[in-house]
């Protein structure tokens, strides 16, 4: 599992920058929709996330955890 920051959000795909500056195109694991998160898009640009790279694909992954935000704009 790797951690990174969301730098771009396009529909259901998110570009995540890992600490080594490698970028991954990630999608959101379905469990977040089941957790009762009511927003249509639970991830915003700037969020810190944990993701698992997909096997056989160099630059894609699945977001498995969203870190708590330290600040936000309503």
C-alpha atoms as a PDB file:
ATOM      1  CA  UNK A   1       0.000   0.000   0.000  1.00  0.00           C
ATOM      2  CA  UNK A   2       1.219   3.479  -0.876  1.00  0.00           C
ATOM      3  CA  UNK A   3       0.177   6.958   0.258  1.00  0.00           C
ATOM      4  CA  UNK A   4      -0.149  10.057  -1.834  1.00  0.00           C
ATOM      5  CA  UNK A   5      -1.987  13.308  -2.502  1.00  0.00           C
ATOM      6  CA  UNK A   6      -4.856  13.696  -4.967  1.00  0.00           C
ATOM      7  CA  UNK A   7      -3.773  16.273  -7.541  1.00  0.00           C
ATOM      8  CA  UNK A   8      -6.582  15.868 -10.099  1.00  0.00           C
ATOM      9  CA  UNK A   9     -10.163  14.604 -10.053  1.00  0.00           C
ATOM     10  CA  UNK A  10     -11.933  13.610 -13.270  1.00  0.00           C
ATOM     11  CA  UNK A  11     -15.252  11.842 -12.878  1.00  0.00           C
ATOM     12  CA  UNK A  12     -14.540   8.609 -11.041  1.00  0.00           C
ATOM     13  CA  UNK A  13     -10.766   8.715 -11.672  1.00  0.00           C
ATOM     14  CA  UNK A  14      -8.211  10.491  -9.495  1.00  0.00           C
ATOM     15  CA  UNK A  15      -4.583  11.329 -10.242  1.00  0.00           C
ATOM     16  CA  UNK A  16      -2.550  10.611  -7.108  1.00  0.00           C
ATOM     17  CA  UNK A  17       1.051  11.805  -6.658  1.00  0.00           C
ATOM     18  CA  UNK A  18       3.148   9.416  -4.575  1.00  0.00           C
ATOM     19  CA  UNK A  19       6.037  10.742  -2.427  1.00  0.00           C
ATOM     20  CA  UNK A  20       8.528   9.794  -5.184  1.00  0.00           C
ATOM     21  CA  UNK A  21       6.521  12.044  -7.607  1.00  0.00           C
ATOM     22  CA  UNK A  22       5.256   9.066  -9.601  1.00  0.00           C
ATOM     23  CA  UNK A  23       1.645   9.624 -10.627  1.00  0.00           C
ATOM     24  CA  UNK A  24      -1.053   6.977 -10.505  1.00  0.00           C
ATOM     25  CA  UNK A  25      -4.509   7.004 -12.063  1.00  0.00           C
ATOM     26  CA  UNK A  26      -6.714   5.609  -9.302  1.00  0.00           C
ATOM     27  CA  UNK A  27     -10.342   4.767  -8.833  1.00  0.00           C
ATOM     28  CA  UNK A  28     -12.272   4.646  -5.595  1.00  0.00           C
ATOM     29  CA  UNK A  29     -12.952   1.294  -3.986  1.00  0.00           C
ATOM     30  CA  UNK A  30     -16.703   0.673  -3.696  1.00  0.00           C
ATOM     31  CA  UNK A  31     -16.705   0.409   0.113  1.00  0.00           C
ATOM     32  CA  UNK A  32     -16.770   4.210   0.523  1.00  0.00           C
ATOM     33  CA  UNK A  33     -20.156   4.341  -1.164  1.00  0.00           C
ATOM     34  CA  UNK A  34     -21.407   1.814   1.402  1.00  0.00           C
ATOM     35  CA  UNK A  35     -20.014   3.633   4.472  1.00  0.00           C
ATOM     36  CA  UNK A  36     -22.773   6.231   4.466  1.00  0.00           C
ATOM     37  CA  UNK A  37     -20.724   9.013   2.911  1.00  0.00           C
ATOM     38  CA  UNK A  38     -23.478  11.191   1.497  1.00  0.00           C
ATOM     39  CA  UNK A  39     -21.462  13.459  -0.773  1.00  0.00           C
ATOM     40  CA  UNK A  40     -21.450  12.558  -4.440  1.00  0.00           C
ATOM     41  CA  UNK A  41     -17.662  12.737  -4.487  1.00  0.00           C
ATOM     42  CA  UNK A  42     -16.010  11.925  -1.142  1.00  0.00           C
ATOM     43  CA  UNK A  43     -12.530  12.866  -2.423  1.00  0.00           C
ATOM     44  CA  UNK A  44     -11.306  16.385  -3.176  1.00  0.00           C
ATOM     45  CA  UNK A  45      -8.087  17.598  -4.756  1.00  0.00           C
ATOM     46  CA  UNK A  46      -5.529  17.934  -1.973  1.00  0.00           C
ATOM     47  CA  UNK A  47      -6.793  14.946   0.047  1.00  0.00           C
ATOM     48  CA  UNK A  48      -4.236  12.457   1.331  1.00  0.00           C
ATOM     49  CA  UNK A  49      -5.138   8.874   0.436  1.00  0.00           C
ATOM     50  CA  UNK A  50      -3.776   5.342   0.688  1.00  0.00           C
ATOM     51  CA  UNK A  51      -3.924   3.256  -2.483  1.00  0.00           C
ATOM     52  CA  UNK A  52      -2.893  -0.129  -3.794  1.00  0.00           C
ATOM     53  CA  UNK A  53      -1.233  -0.273  -7.229  1.00  0.00           C
ATOM     54  CA  UNK A  54      -3.003  -2.659  -9.611  1.00  0.00           C
ATOM     55  CA  UNK A  55      -0.992  -5.700 -10.606  1.00  0.00           C
ATOM     56  CA  UNK A  56       0.178  -5.730 -14.192  1.00  0.00           C
ATOM     57  CA  UNK A  57      -0.425  -1.999 -14.637  1.00  0.00           C
ATOM     58  CA  UNK A  58       2.386   0.461 -13.965  1.00  0.00           C
ATOM     59  CA  UNK A  59       0.390   3.611 -13.325  1.00  0.00           C
ATOM     60  CA  UNK A  60      -3.038   2.674 -11.977  1.00  0.00           C
ATOM     61  CA  UNK A  61      -4.392   1.813  -8.569  1.00  0.00           C
ATOM     62  CA  UNK A  62      -7.343   1.579  -6.211  1.00  0.00           C
ATOM     63  CA  UNK A  63      -7.888   4.046  -3.351  1.00  0.00           C
ATOM     64  CA  UNK A  64      -8.539   2.088  -0.151  1.00  0.00           C
ATOM     65  CA  UNK A  65      -8.404   4.809   2.524  1.00  0.00           C
ATOM     66  CA  UNK A  66      -9.064   8.546   2.713  1.00  0.00           C
ATOM     67  CA  UNK A  67      -7.187  10.430   5.442  1.00  0.00           C
ATOM     68  CA  UNK A  68      -9.110  12.917   7.554  1.00  0.00           C
ATOM     69  CA  UNK A  69      -8.960  16.471   6.178  1.00  0.00           C
ATOM     70  CA  UNK A  70      -7.172  19.125   8.180  1.00  0.00           C
ATOM     71  CA  UNK A  71      -9.077  21.966   6.483  1.00  0.00           C
ATOM     72  CA  UNK A  72     -11.681  22.575   3.797  1.00  0.00           C
ATOM     73  CA  UNK A  73     -13.807  25.235   2.105  1.00  0.00           C
ATOM     74  CA  UNK A  74     -17.587  24.967   2.355  1.00  0.00           C
END
